[in-house]
Amino acid sequence: MKITTLALTASVLGSLALGTGAASAAPMGPNGLQAGPAGITQVRMTHSERMMMKKRMMHKKMMKRRMMKRKMMMNRM
């Protein structure tokens, strides 16, 4: 328990000392240091983008179910 608390405290203090806050878009490592530029920038999604993604996933799931249902019906015959 003490080790976890110590690691968490060190991580928070390390991130504050380096000037990386919660608003930073770069991924954080387990020790609180930011990873170097990996060619991928992580940004926040807007509400509409999230809903669009959710809708696409639901549609994909529905189509997959429909395909499986038809496949099962074909196996009965």
PDB file of N, CA and C in Angstrom:
ATOM      1  N   MET A   1       0.832  -1.189   0.000  1.00  0.00           N
ATOM      2  CA  MET A   1       0.000   0.000   0.000  1.00  0.00           C
ATOM      3  C   MET A   1       0.875   1.251   0.000  1.00  0.00           C
ATOM      4  N   LYS A   2       1.922   1.249   0.835  1.00  0.00           N
ATOM      5  CA  LYS A   2       2.802   2.405   0.928  1.00  0.00           C
ATOM      6  C   LYS A   2       3.558   2.629  -0.381  1.00  0.00           C
ATOM      7  N   ILE A   3       3.944   1.525  -1.054  1.00  0.00           N
ATOM      8  CA  ILE A   3       4.691   1.632  -2.304  1.00  0.00           C
ATOM      9  C   ILE A   3       3.816   2.275  -3.379  1.00  0.00           C
ATOM     10  N   THR A   4       2.543   1.867  -3.442  1.00  0.00           N
ATOM     11  CA  THR A   4       1.613   2.430  -4.430  1.00  0.00           C
ATOM     12  C   THR A   4       1.415   3.916  -4.184  1.00  0.00           C
ATOM     13  N   THR A   5       1.224   4.307  -2.930  1.00  0.00           N
ATOM     14  CA  THR A   5       1.031   5.711  -2.586  1.00  0.00           C
ATOM     15  C   THR A   5       2.277   6.519  -2.927  1.00  0.00           C
ATOM     16  N   LEU A   6       3.430   5.962  -2.624  1.00  0.00           N
ATOM     17  CA  LEU A   6       4.686   6.637  -2.916  1.00  0.00           C
ATOM     18  C   LEU A   6       4.872   6.820  -4.424  1.00  0.00           C
ATOM     19  N   ALA A   7       4.559   5.781  -5.193  1.00  0.00           N
ATOM     20  CA  ALA A   7       4.695   5.851  -6.652  1.00  0.00           C
ATOM     21  C   ALA A   7       3.735   6.883  -7.235  1.00  0.00           C
ATOM     22  N   LEU A   8       2.514   6.908  -6.721  1.00  0.00           N
ATOM     23  CA  LEU A   8       1.516   7.875  -7.192  1.00  0.00           C
ATOM     24  C   LEU A   8       1.947   9.297  -6.872  1.00  0.00           C
ATOM     25  N   THR A   9       2.443   9.517  -5.672  1.00  0.00           N
ATOM     26  CA  THR A   9       2.914  10.839  -5.265  1.00  0.00           C
ATOM     27  C   THR A   9       4.091  11.282  -6.126  1.00  0.00           C
ATOM     28  N   ALA A  10       5.027  10.374  -6.376  1.00  0.00           N
ATOM     29  CA  ALA A  10       6.185  10.691  -7.209  1.00  0.00           C
ATOM     30  C   ALA A  10       5.756  11.034  -8.631  1.00  0.00           C
ATOM     31  N   SER A  11       4.760  10.314  -9.127  1.00  0.00           N
ATOM     32  CA  SER A  11       4.262  10.563 -10.483  1.00  0.00           C
ATOM     33  C   SER A  11       3.627  11.946 -10.587  1.00  0.00           C
ATOM     34  N   VAL A  12       2.802  12.299  -9.602  1.00  0.00           N
ATOM     35  CA  VAL A  12       2.139  13.609  -9.603  1.00  0.00           C
ATOM     36  C   VAL A  12       3.160  14.728  -9.467  1.00  0.00           C
ATOM     37  N   LEU A  13       4.096  14.571  -8.544  1.00  0.00           N
ATOM     38  CA  LEU A  13       5.112  15.602  -8.354  1.00  0.00           C
ATOM     39  C   LEU A  13       6.011  15.735  -9.581  1.00  0.00           C
ATOM     40  N   GLY A  14       6.327  14.613 -10.204  1.00  0.00           N
ATOM     41  CA  GLY A  14       7.149  14.637 -11.413  1.00  0.00           C
ATOM     42  C   GLY A  14       6.456  15.359 -12.549  1.00  0.00           C
ATOM     43  N   SER A  15       5.151  15.127 -12.690  1.00  0.00           N
ATOM     44  CA  SER A  15       4.418  15.785 -13.774  1.00  0.00           C
ATOM     45  C   SER A  15       4.270  17.275 -13.503  1.00  0.00           C
ATOM     46  N   LEU A  16       4.124  17.650 -12.241  1.00  0.00           N
ATOM     47  CA  LEU A  16       4.024  19.078 -11.913  1.00  0.00           C
ATOM     48  C   LEU A  16       5.360  19.778 -12.111  1.00  0.00           C
ATOM     49  N   ALA A  17       6.431  19.097 -11.772  1.00  0.00           N
ATOM     50  CA  ALA A  17       7.761  19.681 -11.911  1.00  0.00           C
ATOM     51  C   ALA A  17       8.131  19.896 -13.375  1.00  0.00           C
ATOM     52  N   LEU A  18       7.657  19.003 -14.230  1.00  0.00           N
ATOM     53  CA  LEU A  18       7.975  19.122 -15.650  1.00  0.00           C
ATOM     54  C   LEU A  18       7.004  20.033 -16.397  1.00  0.00           C
ATOM     55  N   GLY A  19       5.959  20.457 -15.721  1.00  0.00           N
ATOM     56  CA  GLY A  19       5.014  21.386 -16.331  1.00  0.00           C
ATOM     57  C   GLY A  19       3.994  20.719 -17.233  1.00  0.00           C
ATOM     58  N   THR A  20       3.798  19.408 -17.090  1.00  0.00           N
ATOM     59  CA  THR A  20       2.792  18.721 -17.882  1.00  0.00           C
ATOM     60  C   THR A  20       1.557  18.545 -17.025  1.00  0.00           C
ATOM     61  N   GLY A  21       0.490  19.163 -17.421  1.00  0.00           N
ATOM     62  CA  GLY A  21      -0.746  19.068 -16.666  1.00  0.00           C
ATOM     63  C   GLY A  21      -1.724  18.117 -17.323  1.00  0.00           C
ATOM     64  N   ALA A  22      -2.956  18.124 -16.852  1.00  0.00           N
ATOM     65  CA  ALA A  22      -3.989  17.253 -17.396  1.00  0.00           C
ATOM     66  C   ALA A  22      -4.433  17.711 -18.777  1.00  0.00           C
ATOM     67  N   ALA A  23      -4.149  18.960 -19.145  1.00  0.00           N
ATOM     68  CA  ALA A  23      -4.580  19.481 -20.430  1.00  0.00           C
ATOM     69  C   ALA A  23      -3.638  19.103 -21.563  1.00  0.00           C
ATOM     70  N   SER A  24      -2.544  18.454 -21.242  1.00  0.00           N
ATOM     71  CA  SER A  24      -1.580  18.065 -22.267  1.00  0.00           C
ATOM     72  C   SER A  24      -2.153  16.948 -23.135  1.00  0.00           C
ATOM     73  N   ALA A  25      -1.919  17.014 -24.444  1.00  0.00           N
ATOM     74  CA  ALA A  25      -2.461  16.016 -25.359  1.00  0.00           C
ATOM     75  C   ALA A  25      -1.533  14.830 -25.536  1.00  0.00           C
ATOM     76  N   ALA A  26      -0.295  14.935 -25.106  1.00  0.00           N
ATOM     77  CA  ALA A  26       0.658  13.842 -25.281  1.00  0.00           C
ATOM     78  C   ALA A  26       0.410  12.748 -24.250  1.00  0.00           C
ATOM     79  N   PRO A  27       0.626  11.482 -24.626  1.00  0.00           N
ATOM     80  CA  PRO A  27       0.409  10.391 -23.667  1.00  0.00           C
ATOM     81  C   PRO A  27       1.428  10.420 -22.537  1.00  0.00           C
ATOM     82  N   MET A  28       0.982  10.044 -21.364  1.00  0.00           N
ATOM     83  CA  MET A  28       1.851  10.040 -20.192  1.00  0.00           C
ATOM     84  C   MET A  28       2.319   8.617 -19.924  1.00  0.00           C
ATOM     85  N   GLY A  29       3.564   8.487 -19.542  1.00  0.00           N
ATOM     86  CA  GLY A  29       4.113   7.188 -19.192  1.00  0.00           C
ATOM     87  C   GLY A  29       3.767   6.838 -17.761  1.00  0.00           C
ATOM     88  N   PRO A  30       4.081   5.619 -17.317  1.00  0.00           N
ATOM     89  CA  PRO A  30       3.749   5.204 -15.955  1.00  0.00           C
ATOM     90  C   PRO A  30       4.515   5.969 -14.886  1.00  0.00           C
ATOM     91  N   ASN A  31       5.668   6.544 -15.222  1.00  0.00           N
ATOM     92  CA  ASN A  31       6.438   7.275 -14.218  1.00  0.00           C
ATOM     93  C   ASN A  31       6.174   8.774 -14.272  1.00  0.00           C
ATOM     94  N   GLY A  32       5.172   9.203 -15.052  1.00  0.00           N
ATOM     95  CA  GLY A  32       4.791  10.611 -15.089  1.00  0.00           C
ATOM     96  C   GLY A  32       5.514  11.420 -16.145  1.00  0.00           C
ATOM     97  N   LEU A  33       6.394  10.798 -16.920  1.00  0.00           N
ATOM     98  CA  LEU A  33       7.109  11.516 -17.967  1.00  0.00           C
ATOM     99  C   LEU A  33       6.368  11.363 -19.284  1.00  0.00           C
ATOM    100  N   GLN A  34       6.367  12.431 -20.066  1.00  0.00           N
ATOM    101  CA  GLN A  34       5.697  12.362 -21.354  1.00  0.00           C
ATOM    102  C   GLN A  34       6.551  11.585 -22.343  1.00  0.00           C
ATOM    103  N   ALA A  35       5.872  10.815 -23.170  1.00  0.00           N
ATOM    104  CA  ALA A  35       6.577  10.069 -24.204  1.00  0.00           C
ATOM    105  C   ALA A  35       6.977  11.022 -25.322  1.00  0.00           C
ATOM    106  N   GLY A  36       8.027  10.687 -26.053  1.00  0.00           N
ATOM    107  CA  GLY A  36       8.486  11.513 -27.161  1.00  0.00           C
ATOM    108  C   GLY A  36       7.489  11.503 -28.303  1.00  0.00           C
ATOM    109  N   PRO A  37       7.703  12.357 -29.291  1.00  0.00           N
ATOM    110  CA  PRO A  37       6.771  12.397 -30.419  1.00  0.00           C
ATOM    111  C   PRO A  37       6.811  11.085 -31.198  1.00  0.00           C
ATOM    112  N   ALA A  38       5.710  10.370 -31.170  1.00  0.00           N
ATOM    113  CA  ALA A  38       5.644   9.064 -31.827  1.00  0.00           C
ATOM    114  C   ALA A  38       4.950   9.164 -33.176  1.00  0.00           C
ATOM    115  N   GLY A  39       4.629  10.366 -33.631  1.00  0.00           N
ATOM    116  CA  GLY A  39       3.950  10.527 -34.906  1.00  0.00           C
ATOM    117  C   GLY A  39       2.436  10.528 -34.768  1.00  0.00           C
ATOM    118  N   ILE A  40       1.937  10.189 -33.577  1.00  0.00           N
ATOM    119  CA  ILE A  40       0.498  10.166 -33.348  1.00  0.00           C
ATOM    120  C   ILE A  40       0.175  11.180 -32.259  1.00  0.00           C
ATOM    121  N   THR A  41      -0.726  12.093 -32.576  1.00  0.00           N
ATOM    122  CA  THR A  41      -1.150  13.084 -31.594  1.00  0.00           C
ATOM    123  C   THR A  41      -2.532  12.707 -31.096  1.00  0.00           C
ATOM    124  N   GLN A  42      -2.667  12.567 -29.804  1.00  0.00           N
ATOM    125  CA  GLN A  42      -3.967  12.232 -29.232  1.00  0.00           C
ATOM    126  C   GLN A  42      -4.704  13.521 -28.910  1.00  0.00           C
ATOM    127  N   VAL A  43      -5.924  13.611 -29.387  1.00  0.00           N
ATOM    128  CA  VAL A  43      -6.750  14.786 -29.122  1.00  0.00           C
ATOM    129  C   VAL A  43      -8.107  14.332 -28.609  1.00  0.00           C
ATOM    130  N   ARG A  44      -8.836  15.243 -28.004  1.00  0.00           N
ATOM    131  CA  ARG A  44     -10.156  14.914 -27.485  1.00  0.00           C
ATOM    132  C   ARG A  44     -11.176  14.858 -28.605  1.00  0.00           C
ATOM    133  N   MET A  45     -12.142  13.965 -28.462  1.00  0.00           N
ATOM    134  CA  MET A  45     -13.239  13.882 -29.417  1.00  0.00           C
ATOM    135  C   MET A  45     -14.367  14.772 -28.932  1.00  0.00           C
ATOM    136  N   THR A  46     -15.061  15.386 -29.872  1.00  0.00           N
ATOM    137  CA  THR A  46     -16.226  16.179 -29.504  1.00  0.00           C
ATOM    138  C   THR A  46     -17.396  15.241 -29.269  1.00  0.00           C
ATOM    139  N   HIS A  47     -18.463  15.782 -28.710  1.00  0.00           N
ATOM    140  CA  HIS A  47     -19.660  14.984 -28.428  1.00  0.00           C
ATOM    141  C   HIS A  47     -20.234  14.407 -29.720  1.00  0.00           C
ATOM    142  N   SER A  48     -20.292  15.219 -30.768  1.00  0.00           N
ATOM    143  CA  SER A  48     -20.877  14.754 -32.033  1.00  0.00           C
ATOM    144  C   SER A  48     -20.027  13.649 -32.663  1.00  0.00           C
ATOM    145  N   GLU A  49     -18.702  13.778 -32.572  1.00  0.00           N
ATOM    146  CA  GLU A  49     -17.820  12.736 -33.104  1.00  0.00           C
ATOM    147  C   GLU A  49     -18.015  11.424 -32.353  1.00  0.00           C
ATOM    148  N   ARG A  50     -18.154  11.524 -31.037  1.00  0.00           N
ATOM    149  CA  ARG A  50     -18.363  10.335 -30.208  1.00  0.00           C
ATOM    150  C   ARG A  50     -19.683   9.649 -30.566  1.00  0.00           C
ATOM    151  N   MET A  51     -20.732  10.466 -30.759  1.00  0.00           N
ATOM    152  CA  MET A  51     -22.042   9.915 -31.108  1.00  0.00           C
ATOM    153  C   MET A  51     -22.014   9.267 -32.494  1.00  0.00           C
ATOM    154  N   MET A  52     -21.287   9.897 -33.425  1.00  0.00           N
ATOM    155  CA  MET A  52     -21.166   9.344 -34.772  1.00  0.00           C
ATOM    156  C   MET A  52     -20.463   7.986 -34.725  1.00  0.00           C
ATOM    157  N   MET A  53     -19.415   7.918 -33.916  1.00  0.00           N
ATOM    158  CA  MET A  53     -18.661   6.681 -33.770  1.00  0.00           C
ATOM    159  C   MET A  53     -19.533   5.591 -33.142  1.00  0.00           C
ATOM    160  N   LYS A  54     -20.300   5.963 -32.133  1.00  0.00           N
ATOM    161  CA  LYS A  54     -21.192   5.029 -31.453  1.00  0.00           C
ATOM    162  C   LYS A  54     -22.246   4.498 -32.418  1.00  0.00           C
ATOM    163  N   LYS A  55     -22.806   5.404 -33.225  1.00  0.00           N
ATOM    164  CA  LYS A  55     -23.833   5.031 -34.197  1.00  0.00           C
ATOM    165  C   LYS A  55     -23.261   4.058 -35.235  1.00  0.00           C
ATOM    166  N   ARG A  56     -22.039   4.342 -35.688  1.00  0.00           N
ATOM    167  CA  ARG A  56     -21.381   3.471 -36.671  1.00  0.00           C
ATOM    168  C   ARG A  56     -21.147   2.081 -36.090  1.00  0.00           C
ATOM    169  N   MET A  57     -20.704   2.048 -34.833  1.00  0.00           N
ATOM    170  CA  MET A  57     -20.447   0.758 -34.182  1.00  0.00           C
ATOM    171  C   MET A  57     -21.741  -0.035 -33.990  1.00  0.00           C
ATOM    172  N   MET A  58     -22.816   0.649 -33.619  1.00  0.00           N
ATOM    173  CA  MET A  58     -24.107  -0.016 -33.435  1.00  0.00           C
ATOM    174  C   MET A  58     -24.605  -0.581 -34.764  1.00  0.00           C
ATOM    175  N   HIS A  59     -24.438   0.192 -35.830  1.00  0.00           N
ATOM    176  CA  HIS A  59     -24.860  -0.253 -37.157  1.00  0.00           C
ATOM    177  C   HIS A  59     -24.061  -1.488 -37.583  1.00  0.00           C
ATOM    178  N   LYS A  60     -22.772  -1.449 -37.336  1.00  0.00           N
ATOM    179  CA  LYS A  60     -21.895  -2.570 -37.670  1.00  0.00           C
ATOM    180  C   LYS A  60     -22.319  -3.828 -36.913  1.00  0.00           C
ATOM    181  N   LYS A  61     -22.639  -3.657 -35.629  1.00  0.00           N
ATOM    182  CA  LYS A  61     -23.069  -4.768 -34.788  1.00  0.00           C
ATOM    183  C   LYS A  61     -24.391  -5.350 -35.287  1.00  0.00           C
ATOM    184  N   MET A  62     -25.318  -4.452 -35.678  1.00  0.00           N
ATOM    185  CA  MET A  62     -26.620  -4.878 -36.173  1.00  0.00           C
ATOM    186  C   MET A  62     -26.466  -5.678 -37.470  1.00  0.00           C
ATOM    187  N   MET A  63     -25.623  -5.195 -38.372  1.00  0.00           N
ATOM    188  CA  MET A  63     -25.404  -5.875 -39.639  1.00  0.00           C
ATOM    189  C   MET A  63     -24.769  -7.255 -39.419  1.00  0.00           C
ATOM    190  N   LYS A  64     -23.856  -7.329 -38.454  1.00  0.00           N
ATOM    191  CA  LYS A  64     -23.217  -8.600 -38.136  1.00  0.00           C
ATOM    192  C   LYS A  64     -24.242  -9.596 -37.593  1.00  0.00           C
ATOM    193  N   ARG A  65     -25.131  -9.111 -36.717  1.00  0.00           N
ATOM    194  CA  ARG A  65     -26.186  -9.969 -36.167  1.00  0.00           C
ATOM    195  C   ARG A  65     -27.094 -10.483 -37.273  1.00  0.00           C
ATOM    196  N   ARG A  66     -27.457  -9.569 -38.194  1.00  0.00           N
ATOM    197  CA  ARG A  66     -28.343  -9.935 -39.301  1.00  0.00           C
ATOM    198  C   ARG A  66     -27.690 -11.014 -40.175  1.00  0.00           C
ATOM    199  N   MET A  67     -26.405 -10.844 -40.445  1.00  0.00           N
ATOM    200  CA  MET A  67     -25.675 -11.809 -41.255  1.00  0.00           C
ATOM    201  C   MET A  67     -25.655 -13.178 -40.574  1.00  0.00           C
ATOM    202  N   MET A  68     -25.386 -13.178 -39.261  1.00  0.00           N
ATOM    203  CA  MET A  68     -25.341 -14.432 -38.515  1.00  0.00           C
ATOM    204  C   MET A  68     -26.712 -15.103 -38.474  1.00  0.00           C
ATOM    205  N   LYS A  69     -27.752 -14.290 -38.362  1.00  0.00           N
ATOM    206  CA  LYS A  69     -29.113 -14.812 -38.322  1.00  0.00           C
ATOM    207  C   LYS A  69     -29.458 -15.495 -39.643  1.00  0.00           C
ATOM    208  N   ARG A  70     -29.084 -14.844 -40.748  1.00  0.00           N
ATOM    209  CA  ARG A  70     -29.343 -15.429 -42.066  1.00  0.00           C
ATOM    210  C   ARG A  70     -28.547 -16.713 -42.262  1.00  0.00           C
ATOM    211  N   LYS A  71     -27.335 -16.710 -41.768  1.00  0.00           N
ATOM    212  CA  LYS A  71     -26.475 -17.893 -41.886  1.00  0.00           C
ATOM    213  C   LYS A  71     -27.098 -19.068 -41.128  1.00  0.00           C
ATOM    214  N   MET A  72     -27.652 -18.779 -39.939  1.00  0.00           N
ATOM    215  CA  MET A  72     -28.276 -19.821 -39.139  1.00  0.00           C
ATOM    216  C   MET A  72     -29.532 -20.359 -39.833  1.00  0.00           C
ATOM    217  N   MET A  73     -30.286 -19.466 -40.477  1.00  0.00           N
ATOM    218  CA  MET A  73     -31.502 -19.891 -41.183  1.00  0.00           C
ATOM    219  C   MET A  73     -31.151 -20.775 -42.372  1.00  0.00           C
ATOM    220  N   MET A  74     -30.034 -20.456 -43.037  1.00  0.00           N
ATOM    221  CA  MET A  74     -29.608 -21.262 -44.179  1.00  0.00           C
ATOM    222  C   MET A  74     -29.173 -22.663 -43.729  1.00  0.00           C
ATOM    223  N   ASN A  75     -28.597 -22.754 -42.544  1.00  0.00           N
ATOM    224  CA  ASN A  75     -28.160 -24.055 -42.029  1.00  0.00           C
ATOM    225  C   ASN A  75     -29.318 -24.965 -41.663  1.00  0.00           C
ATOM    226  N   ARG A  76     -30.475 -24.394 -41.355  1.00  0.00           N
ATOM    227  CA  ARG A  76     -31.645 -25.194 -40.994  1.00  0.00           C
ATOM    228  C   ARG A  76     -32.207 -25.948 -42.194  1.00  0.00           C
ATOM    229  N   MET A  77     -32.104 -25.346 -43.351  1.00  0.00           N
ATOM    230  CA  MET A  77     -32.713 -25.951 -44.542  1.00  0.00           C
ATOM    231  C   MET A  77     -31.943 -27.127 -45.050  1.00  0.00           C
TER     232      MET A  77
END
